[in-house]
mmCIF file of all heavy atoms, coordinates in Angstrom:
data_MODEL
# 
_entry.id   MODEL 
# 
loop_
_atom_site.group_PDB 
_atom_site.id 
_atom_site.type_symbol 
_atom_site.label_atom_id 
_atom_site.label_alt_id 
_atom_site.label_comp_id 
_atom_site.label_asym_id 
_atom_site.label_entity_id 
_atom_site.label_seq_id 
_atom_site.pdbx_PDB_ins_code 
_atom_site.Cartn_x 
_atom_site.Cartn_y 
_atom_site.Cartn_z 
_atom_site.occupancy 
_atom_site.B_iso_or_equiv 
_atom_site.pdbx_formal_charge 
_atom_site.auth_seq_id 
_atom_site.auth_comp_id 
_atom_site.auth_asym_id 
_atom_site.auth_atom_id 
_atom_site.pdbx_PDB_model_num 
ATOM 1   N N   . PHE A 1 1  ? -1.062  9.835  -24.680 1.00 0.00 ? 1  PHE A N   1 
ATOM 2   C CA  . PHE A 1 1  ? -1.688  8.549  -24.993 1.00 0.00 ? 1  PHE A CA  1 
ATOM 3   C C   . PHE A 1 1  ? -1.437  8.171  -26.468 1.00 0.00 ? 1  PHE A C   1 
ATOM 4   O O   . PHE A 1 1  ? -1.209  7.036  -26.768 1.00 0.00 ? 1  PHE A O   1 
ATOM 5   C CB  . PHE A 1 1  ? -3.213  8.616  -24.703 1.00 0.00 ? 1  PHE A CB  1 
ATOM 6   C CG  . PHE A 1 1  ? -3.929  7.306  -24.911 1.00 0.00 ? 1  PHE A CG  1 
ATOM 7   C CD1 . PHE A 1 1  ? -3.718  6.262  -24.028 1.00 0.00 ? 1  PHE A CD1 1 
ATOM 8   C CD2 . PHE A 1 1  ? -4.759  7.153  -25.972 1.00 0.00 ? 1  PHE A CD2 1 
ATOM 9   C CE1 . PHE A 1 1  ? -4.385  5.077  -24.262 1.00 0.00 ? 1  PHE A CE1 1 
ATOM 10  C CE2 . PHE A 1 1  ? -5.462  5.963  -26.190 1.00 0.00 ? 1  PHE A CE2 1 
ATOM 11  C CZ  . PHE A 1 1  ? -5.207  4.891  -25.308 1.00 0.00 ? 1  PHE A CZ  1 
ATOM 12  N N   . SER A 1 2  ? -1.500  9.125  -27.341 1.00 0.00 ? 2  SER A N   1 
ATOM 13  C CA  . SER A 1 2  ? -1.305  8.892  -28.762 1.00 0.00 ? 2  SER A CA  1 
ATOM 14  C C   . SER A 1 2  ? 0.122   8.400  -29.031 1.00 0.00 ? 2  SER A C   1 
ATOM 15  O O   . SER A 1 2  ? 0.411   7.777  -30.066 1.00 0.00 ? 2  SER A O   1 
ATOM 16  C CB  . SER A 1 2  ? -1.587  10.167 -29.581 1.00 0.00 ? 2  SER A CB  1 
ATOM 17  O OG  . SER A 1 2  ? -0.721  11.247 -29.190 1.00 0.00 ? 2  SER A OG  1 
ATOM 18  N N   . SER A 1 3  ? 1.029   8.659  -28.181 1.00 0.00 ? 3  SER A N   1 
ATOM 19  C CA  . SER A 1 3  ? 2.437   8.212  -28.290 1.00 0.00 ? 3  SER A CA  1 
ATOM 20  C C   . SER A 1 3  ? 2.687   6.953  -27.478 1.00 0.00 ? 3  SER A C   1 
ATOM 21  O O   . SER A 1 3  ? 3.848   6.550  -27.279 1.00 0.00 ? 3  SER A O   1 
ATOM 22  C CB  . SER A 1 3  ? 3.398   9.304  -27.798 1.00 0.00 ? 3  SER A CB  1 
ATOM 23  O OG  . SER A 1 3  ? 3.191   10.482 -28.520 1.00 0.00 ? 3  SER A OG  1 
ATOM 24  N N   . ALA A 1 4  ? 1.645   6.221  -27.029 1.00 0.00 ? 4  ALA A N   1 
ATOM 25  C CA  . ALA A 1 4  ? 1.734   5.062  -26.144 1.00 0.00 ? 4  ALA A CA  1 
ATOM 26  C C   . ALA A 1 4  ? 2.582   5.398  -24.960 1.00 0.00 ? 4  ALA A C   1 
ATOM 27  O O   . ALA A 1 4  ? 3.425   4.684  -24.510 1.00 0.00 ? 4  ALA A O   1 
ATOM 28  C CB  . ALA A 1 4  ? 2.327   3.896  -26.918 1.00 0.00 ? 4  ALA A CB  1 
ATOM 29  N N   . GLY A 1 5  ? 2.301   6.617  -24.387 1.00 0.00 ? 5  GLY A N   1 
ATOM 30  C CA  . GLY A 1 5  ? 3.095   7.123  -23.270 1.00 0.00 ? 5  GLY A CA  1 
ATOM 31  C C   . GLY A 1 5  ? 2.903   6.323  -21.972 1.00 0.00 ? 5  GLY A C   1 
ATOM 32  O O   . GLY A 1 5  ? 2.039   5.486  -21.840 1.00 0.00 ? 5  GLY A O   1 
ATOM 33  N N   . ALA A 1 6  ? 3.786   6.606  -21.035 1.00 0.00 ? 6  ALA A N   1 
ATOM 34  C CA  . ALA A 1 6  ? 3.735   5.992  -19.729 1.00 0.00 ? 6  ALA A CA  1 
ATOM 35  C C   . ALA A 1 6  ? 2.395   6.366  -18.991 1.00 0.00 ? 6  ALA A C   1 
ATOM 36  O O   . ALA A 1 6  ? 2.074   7.501  -18.902 1.00 0.00 ? 6  ALA A O   1 
ATOM 37  C CB  . ALA A 1 6  ? 4.913   6.415  -18.903 1.00 0.00 ? 6  ALA A CB  1 
ATOM 38  N N   . ARG A 1 7  ? 1.689   5.353  -18.537 1.00 0.00 ? 7  ARG A N   1 
ATOM 39  C CA  . ARG A 1 7  ? 0.425   5.583  -17.868 1.00 0.00 ? 7  ARG A CA  1 
ATOM 40  C C   . ARG A 1 7  ? 0.102   4.352  -17.005 1.00 0.00 ? 7  ARG A C   1 
ATOM 41  O O   . ARG A 1 7  ? 0.495   3.215  -17.256 1.00 0.00 ? 7  ARG A O   1 
ATOM 42  C CB  . ARG A 1 7  ? -0.678  5.816  -18.879 1.00 0.00 ? 7  ARG A CB  1 
ATOM 43  C CG  . ARG A 1 7  ? -0.911  4.655  -19.808 1.00 0.00 ? 7  ARG A CG  1 
ATOM 44  C CD  . ARG A 1 7  ? -1.598  5.057  -21.109 1.00 0.00 ? 7  ARG A CD  1 
ATOM 45  N NE  . ARG A 1 7  ? -1.886  3.896  -21.951 1.00 0.00 ? 7  ARG A NE  1 
ATOM 46  C CZ  . ARG A 1 7  ? -1.005  3.340  -22.745 1.00 0.00 ? 7  ARG A CZ  1 
ATOM 47  N NH1 . ARG A 1 7  ? 0.230   3.825  -22.827 1.00 0.00 ? 7  ARG A NH1 1 
ATOM 48  N NH2 . ARG A 1 7  ? -1.361  2.280  -23.502 1.00 0.00 ? 7  ARG A NH2 1 
ATOM 49  N N   . HIS A 1 8  ? -0.632  4.635  -15.902 1.00 0.00 ? 8  HIS A N   1 
ATOM 50  C CA  . HIS A 1 8  ? -0.991  3.595  -14.963 1.00 0.00 ? 8  HIS A CA  1 
ATOM 51  C C   . HIS A 1 8  ? -2.435  3.667  -14.582 1.00 0.00 ? 8  HIS A C   1 
ATOM 52  O O   . HIS A 1 8  ? -3.017  4.791  -14.468 1.00 0.00 ? 8  HIS A O   1 
ATOM 53  C CB  . HIS A 1 8  ? -0.128  3.772  -13.664 1.00 0.00 ? 8  HIS A CB  1 
ATOM 54  C CG  . HIS A 1 8  ? 1.333   3.605  -13.862 1.00 0.00 ? 8  HIS A CG  1 
ATOM 55  N ND1 . HIS A 1 8  ? 2.005   2.539  -13.275 1.00 0.00 ? 8  HIS A ND1 1 
ATOM 56  C CD2 . HIS A 1 8  ? 2.235   4.290  -14.511 1.00 0.00 ? 8  HIS A CD2 1 
ATOM 57  C CE1 . HIS A 1 8  ? 3.311   2.602  -13.649 1.00 0.00 ? 8  HIS A CE1 1 
ATOM 58  N NE2 . HIS A 1 8  ? 3.474   3.696  -14.373 1.00 0.00 ? 8  HIS A NE2 1 
ATOM 59  N N   . GLY A 1 9  ? -3.111  2.549  -14.392 1.00 0.00 ? 9  GLY A N   1 
ATOM 60  C CA  . GLY A 1 9  ? -4.404  2.506  -13.806 1.00 0.00 ? 9  GLY A CA  1 
ATOM 61  C C   . GLY A 1 9  ? -4.236  2.833  -12.285 1.00 0.00 ? 9  GLY A C   1 
ATOM 62  O O   . GLY A 1 9  ? -3.407  2.259  -11.635 1.00 0.00 ? 9  GLY A O   1 
ATOM 63  N N   . ILE A 1 10 ? -5.041  3.775  -11.793 1.00 0.00 ? 10 ILE A N   1 
ATOM 64  C CA  . ILE A 1 10 ? -4.864  4.178  -10.419 1.00 0.00 ? 10 ILE A CA  1 
ATOM 65  C C   . ILE A 1 10 ? -5.438  3.177  -9.465  1.00 0.00 ? 10 ILE A C   1 
ATOM 66  O O   . ILE A 1 10 ? -6.587  2.774  -9.574  1.00 0.00 ? 10 ILE A O   1 
ATOM 67  C CB  . ILE A 1 10 ? -5.526  5.558  -10.225 1.00 0.00 ? 10 ILE A CB  1 
ATOM 68  C CG1 . ILE A 1 10 ? -4.822  6.616  -11.063 1.00 0.00 ? 10 ILE A CG1 1 
ATOM 69  C CG2 . ILE A 1 10 ? -5.516  5.966  -8.733  1.00 0.00 ? 10 ILE A CG2 1 
ATOM 70  C CD1 . ILE A 1 10 ? -5.459  7.997  -10.954 1.00 0.00 ? 10 ILE A CD1 1 
ATOM 71  N N   . THR A 1 11 ? -4.569  2.725  -8.528  1.00 0.00 ? 11 THR A N   1 
ATOM 72  C CA  . THR A 1 11 ? -4.968  1.829  -7.454  1.00 0.00 ? 11 THR A CA  1 
ATOM 73  C C   . THR A 1 11 ? -4.436  2.394  -6.135  1.00 0.00 ? 11 THR A C   1 
ATOM 74  O O   . THR A 1 11 ? -4.100  3.592  -6.085  1.00 0.00 ? 11 THR A O   1 
ATOM 75  C CB  . THR A 1 11 ? -4.392  0.433  -7.719  1.00 0.00 ? 11 THR A CB  1 
ATOM 76  O OG1 . THR A 1 11 ? -2.942  0.517  -7.712  1.00 0.00 ? 11 THR A OG1 1 
ATOM 77  C CG2 . THR A 1 11 ? -4.821  -0.146 -9.038  1.00 0.00 ? 11 THR A CG2 1 
ATOM 78  N N   . ASP A 1 12 ? -4.329  1.607  -5.112  1.00 0.00 ? 12 ASP A N   1 
ATOM 79  C CA  . ASP A 1 12 ? -3.781  2.072  -3.844  1.00 0.00 ? 12 ASP A CA  1 
ATOM 80  C C   . ASP A 1 12 ? -2.266  2.330  -3.956  1.00 0.00 ? 12 ASP A C   1 
ATOM 81  O O   . ASP A 1 12 ? -1.706  3.025  -3.112  1.00 0.00 ? 12 ASP A O   1 
ATOM 82  C CB  . ASP A 1 12 ? -4.088  1.099  -2.708  1.00 0.00 ? 12 ASP A CB  1 
ATOM 83  C CG  . ASP A 1 12 ? -5.590  1.052  -2.420  1.00 0.00 ? 12 ASP A CG  1 
ATOM 84  O OD1 . ASP A 1 12 ? -6.269  2.027  -2.702  1.00 0.00 ? 12 ASP A OD1 1 
ATOM 85  O OD2 . ASP A 1 12 ? -6.055  0.002  -1.886  1.00 0.00 ? 12 ASP A OD2 1 
ATOM 86  N N   . LEU A 1 13 ? -1.612  1.661  -4.879  1.00 0.00 ? 13 LEU A N   1 
ATOM 87  C CA  . LEU A 1 13 ? -0.151  1.784  -4.990  1.00 0.00 ? 13 LEU A CA  1 
ATOM 88  C C   . LEU A 1 13 ? 0.252   3.091  -5.626  1.00 0.00 ? 13 LEU A C   1 
ATOM 89  O O   . LEU A 1 13 ? -0.195  3.404  -6.719  1.00 0.00 ? 13 LEU A O   1 
ATOM 90  C CB  . LEU A 1 13 ? 0.354   0.608  -5.825  1.00 0.00 ? 13 LEU A CB  1 
ATOM 91  C CG  . LEU A 1 13 ? 1.890   0.540  -6.054  1.00 0.00 ? 13 LEU A CG  1 
ATOM 92  C CD1 . LEU A 1 13 ? 2.664   0.385  -4.747  1.00 0.00 ? 13 LEU A CD1 1 
ATOM 93  C CD2 . LEU A 1 13 ? 2.241   -0.632 -7.018  1.00 0.00 ? 13 LEU A CD2 1 
ATOM 94  N N   . LYS A 1 14 ? 1.104   3.865  -4.932  1.00 0.00 ? 14 LYS A N   1 
ATOM 95  C CA  . LYS A 1 14 ? 1.477   5.175  -5.476  1.00 0.00 ? 14 LYS A CA  1 
ATOM 96  C C   . LYS A 1 14 ? 2.789   5.641  -4.873  1.00 0.00 ? 14 LYS A C   1 
ATOM 97  O O   . LYS A 1 14 ? 3.274   5.117  -3.863  1.00 0.00 ? 14 LYS A O   1 
ATOM 98  C CB  . LYS A 1 14 ? 0.394   6.169  -5.239  1.00 0.00 ? 14 LYS A CB  1 
ATOM 99  C CG  . LYS A 1 14 ? 0.034   6.365  -3.765  1.00 0.00 ? 14 LYS A CG  1 
ATOM 100 C CD  . LYS A 1 14 ? -1.207  7.265  -3.629  1.00 0.00 ? 14 LYS A CD  1 
ATOM 101 C CE  . LYS A 1 14 ? -1.649  7.377  -2.160  1.00 0.00 ? 14 LYS A CE  1 
ATOM 102 N NZ  . LYS A 1 14 ? -2.856  8.233  -2.004  1.00 0.00 ? 14 LYS A NZ  1 
ATOM 103 N N   . LEU A 1 15 ? 3.348   6.666  -5.535  1.00 0.00 ? 15 LEU A N   1 
ATOM 104 C CA  . LEU A 1 15 ? 4.520   7.411  -5.001  1.00 0.00 ? 15 LEU A CA  1 
ATOM 105 C C   . LEU A 1 15 ? 4.024   8.643  -4.285  1.00 0.00 ? 15 LEU A C   1 
ATOM 106 O O   . LEU A 1 15 ? 3.261   9.408  -4.876  1.00 0.00 ? 15 LEU A O   1 
ATOM 107 C CB  . LEU A 1 15 ? 5.433   7.817  -6.172  1.00 0.00 ? 15 LEU A CB  1 
ATOM 108 C CG  . LEU A 1 15 ? 6.178   6.596  -6.878  1.00 0.00 ? 15 LEU A CG  1 
ATOM 109 C CD1 . LEU A 1 15 ? 6.817   7.097  -8.186  1.00 0.00 ? 15 LEU A CD1 1 
ATOM 110 C CD2 . LEU A 1 15 ? 7.219   6.015  -5.971  1.00 0.00 ? 15 LEU A CD2 1 
ATOM 111 N N   . GLY A 1 16 ? 4.485   8.859  -3.068  1.00 0.00 ? 16 GLY A N   1 
ATOM 112 C CA  . GLY A 1 16 ? 4.013   9.964  -2.291  1.00 0.00 ? 16 GLY A CA  1 
ATOM 113 C C   . GLY A 1 16 ? 2.584   9.831  -1.844  1.00 0.00 ? 16 GLY A C   1 
ATOM 114 O O   . GLY A 1 16 ? 2.066   8.676  -1.784  1.00 0.00 ? 16 GLY A O   1 
ATOM 115 N N   . THR A 1 17 ? 1.912   10.939 -1.557  1.00 0.00 ? 17 THR A N   1 
ATOM 116 C CA  . THR A 1 17 ? 0.564   10.824 -1.033  1.00 0.00 ? 17 THR A CA  1 
ATOM 117 C C   . THR A 1 17 ? -0.516  11.277 -1.971  1.00 0.00 ? 17 THR A C   1 
ATOM 118 O O   . THR A 1 17 ? -1.694  11.041 -1.764  1.00 0.00 ? 17 THR A O   1 
ATOM 119 C CB  . THR A 1 17 ? 0.461   11.739 0.236   1.00 0.00 ? 17 THR A CB  1 
ATOM 120 O OG1 . THR A 1 17 ? 0.758   13.104 -0.073  1.00 0.00 ? 17 THR A OG1 1 
ATOM 121 C CG2 . THR A 1 17 ? 1.409   11.251 1.346   1.00 0.00 ? 17 THR A CG2 1 
ATOM 122 N N   . VAL A 1 18 ? -0.090  11.981 -3.079  1.00 0.00 ? 18 VAL A N   1 
ATOM 123 C CA  . VAL A 1 18 ? -1.092  12.503 -4.016  1.00 0.00 ? 18 VAL A CA  1 
ATOM 124 C C   . VAL A 1 18 ? -0.971  11.848 -5.359  1.00 0.00 ? 18 VAL A C   1 
ATOM 125 O O   . VAL A 1 18 ? 0.132   11.688 -5.835  1.00 0.00 ? 18 VAL A O   1 
ATOM 126 C CB  . VAL A 1 18 ? -0.858  14.068 -4.132  1.00 0.00 ? 18 VAL A CB  1 
ATOM 127 C CG1 . VAL A 1 18 ? -1.918  14.654 -5.151  1.00 0.00 ? 18 VAL A CG1 1 
ATOM 128 C CG2 . VAL A 1 18 ? -0.996  14.749 -2.811  1.00 0.00 ? 18 VAL A CG2 1 
ATOM 129 N N   . ILE A 1 19 ? -2.104  11.511 -5.898  1.00 0.00 ? 19 ILE A N   1 
ATOM 130 C CA  . ILE A 1 19 ? -2.151  11.010 -7.318  1.00 0.00 ? 19 ILE A CA  1 
ATOM 131 C C   . ILE A 1 19 ? -3.415  11.518 -7.942  1.00 0.00 ? 19 ILE A C   1 
ATOM 132 O O   . ILE A 1 19 ? -4.477  11.489 -7.275  1.00 0.00 ? 19 ILE A O   1 
ATOM 133 C CB  . ILE A 1 19 ? -2.038  9.469  -7.341  1.00 0.00 ? 19 ILE A CB  1 
ATOM 134 C CG1 . ILE A 1 19 ? -1.993  8.967  -8.811  1.00 0.00 ? 19 ILE A CG1 1 
ATOM 135 C CG2 . ILE A 1 19 ? -3.179  8.839  -6.585  1.00 0.00 ? 19 ILE A CG2 1 
ATOM 136 C CD1 . ILE A 1 19 ? -1.680  7.467  -8.916  1.00 0.00 ? 19 ILE A CD1 1 
ATOM 137 N N   . ASP A 1 20 ? -3.356  12.011 -9.160  1.00 0.00 ? 20 ASP A N   1 
ATOM 138 C CA  . ASP A 1 20 ? -4.546  12.486 -9.792  1.00 0.00 ? 20 ASP A CA  1 
ATOM 139 C C   . ASP A 1 20 ? -4.733  11.796 -11.157 1.00 0.00 ? 20 ASP A C   1 
ATOM 140 O O   . ASP A 1 20 ? -3.771  11.400 -11.766 1.00 0.00 ? 20 ASP A O   1 
ATOM 141 C CB  . ASP A 1 20 ? -4.584  13.999 -9.950  1.00 0.00 ? 20 ASP A CB  1 
ATOM 142 C CG  . ASP A 1 20 ? -3.337  14.578 -10.655 1.00 0.00 ? 20 ASP A CG  1 
ATOM 143 O OD1 . ASP A 1 20 ? -2.608  13.765 -11.261 1.00 0.00 ? 20 ASP A OD1 1 
ATOM 144 O OD2 . ASP A 1 20 ? -3.115  15.803 -10.554 1.00 0.00 ? 20 ASP A OD2 1 
ATOM 145 N N   . GLY A 1 21 ? -6.028  11.657 -11.528 1.00 0.00 ? 21 GLY A N   1 
ATOM 146 C CA  . GLY A 1 21 ? -6.323  10.978 -12.766 1.00 0.00 ? 21 GLY A CA  1 
ATOM 147 C C   . GLY A 1 21 ? -6.681  11.949 -13.874 1.00 0.00 ? 21 GLY A C   1 
ATOM 148 O O   . GLY A 1 21 ? -7.229  13.033 -13.590 1.00 0.00 ? 21 GLY A O   1 
ATOM 149 N N   . GLU A 1 22 ? -6.389  11.554 -15.081 1.00 0.00 ? 22 GLU A N   1 
ATOM 150 C CA  . GLU A 1 22 ? -6.796  12.344 -16.266 1.00 0.00 ? 22 GLU A CA  1 
ATOM 151 C C   . GLU A 1 22 ? -6.968  11.417 -17.482 1.00 0.00 ? 22 GLU A C   1 
ATOM 152 O O   . GLU A 1 22 ? -6.422  10.288 -17.447 1.00 0.00 ? 22 GLU A O   1 
ATOM 153 C CB  . GLU A 1 22 ? -5.783  13.445 -16.569 1.00 0.00 ? 22 GLU A CB  1 
ATOM 154 C CG  . GLU A 1 22 ? -4.345  12.939 -16.744 1.00 0.00 ? 22 GLU A CG  1 
ATOM 155 C CD  . GLU A 1 22 ? -3.479  13.052 -15.522 1.00 0.00 ? 22 GLU A CD  1 
ATOM 156 O OE1 . GLU A 1 22 ? -3.808  13.911 -14.675 1.00 0.00 ? 22 GLU A OE1 1 
ATOM 157 O OE2 . GLU A 1 22 ? -2.513  12.350 -15.383 1.00 0.00 ? 22 GLU A OE2 1 
ATOM 158 N N   . THR A 1 23 ? -7.642  11.852 -18.460 1.00 0.00 ? 23 THR A N   1 
ATOM 159 C CA  . THR A 1 23 ? -7.853  11.065 -19.646 1.00 0.00 ? 23 THR A CA  1 
ATOM 160 C C   . THR A 1 23 ? -6.755  11.315 -20.708 1.00 0.00 ? 23 THR A C   1 
ATOM 161 O O   . THR A 1 23 ? -6.747  10.655 -21.722 1.00 0.00 ? 23 THR A O   1 
ATOM 162 C CB  . THR A 1 23 ? -9.201  11.346 -20.291 1.00 0.00 ? 23 THR A CB  1 
ATOM 163 O OG1 . THR A 1 23 ? -9.303  12.762 -20.608 1.00 0.00 ? 23 THR A OG1 1 
ATOM 164 C CG2 . THR A 1 23 ? -10.339 10.969 -19.322 1.00 0.00 ? 23 THR A CG2 1 
ATOM 165 N N   . GLU A 1 24 ? -5.867  12.241 -20.471 1.00 0.00 ? 24 GLU A N   1 
ATOM 166 C CA  . GLU A 1 24 ? -4.771  12.492 -21.368 1.00 0.00 ? 24 GLU A CA  1 
ATOM 167 C C   . GLU A 1 24 ? -3.648  13.206 -20.569 1.00 0.00 ? 24 GLU A C   1 
ATOM 168 O O   . GLU A 1 24 ? -3.909  13.890 -19.598 1.00 0.00 ? 24 GLU A O   1 
ATOM 169 C CB  . GLU A 1 24 ? -5.185  13.389 -22.529 1.00 0.00 ? 24 GLU A CB  1 
ATOM 170 C CG  . GLU A 1 24 ? -4.104  13.765 -23.508 1.00 0.00 ? 24 GLU A CG  1 
ATOM 171 C CD  . GLU A 1 24 ? -3.383  12.579 -24.146 1.00 0.00 ? 24 GLU A CD  1 
ATOM 172 O OE1 . GLU A 1 24 ? -2.572  11.917 -23.462 1.00 0.00 ? 24 GLU A OE1 1 
ATOM 173 O OE2 . GLU A 1 24 ? -3.660  12.297 -25.319 1.00 0.00 ? 24 GLU A OE2 1 
ATOM 174 N N   . ALA A 1 25 ? -2.406  12.980 -20.961 1.00 0.00 ? 25 ALA A N   1 
ATOM 175 C CA  . ALA A 1 25 ? -1.300  13.587 -20.344 1.00 0.00 ? 25 ALA A CA  1 
ATOM 176 C C   . ALA A 1 25 ? -1.277  15.083 -20.662 1.00 0.00 ? 25 ALA A C   1 
ATOM 177 O O   . ALA A 1 25 ? -1.641  15.512 -21.721 1.00 0.00 ? 25 ALA A O   1 
ATOM 178 C CB  . ALA A 1 25 ? 0.026   12.936 -20.765 1.00 0.00 ? 25 ALA A CB  1 
# 
């Protein structure tokens, strides 16, 4: 996040079947 890294707000749209959320990469 400090590097303005790639990140997405989690919605129904995803790749594959699993997506997990975190506050930092």
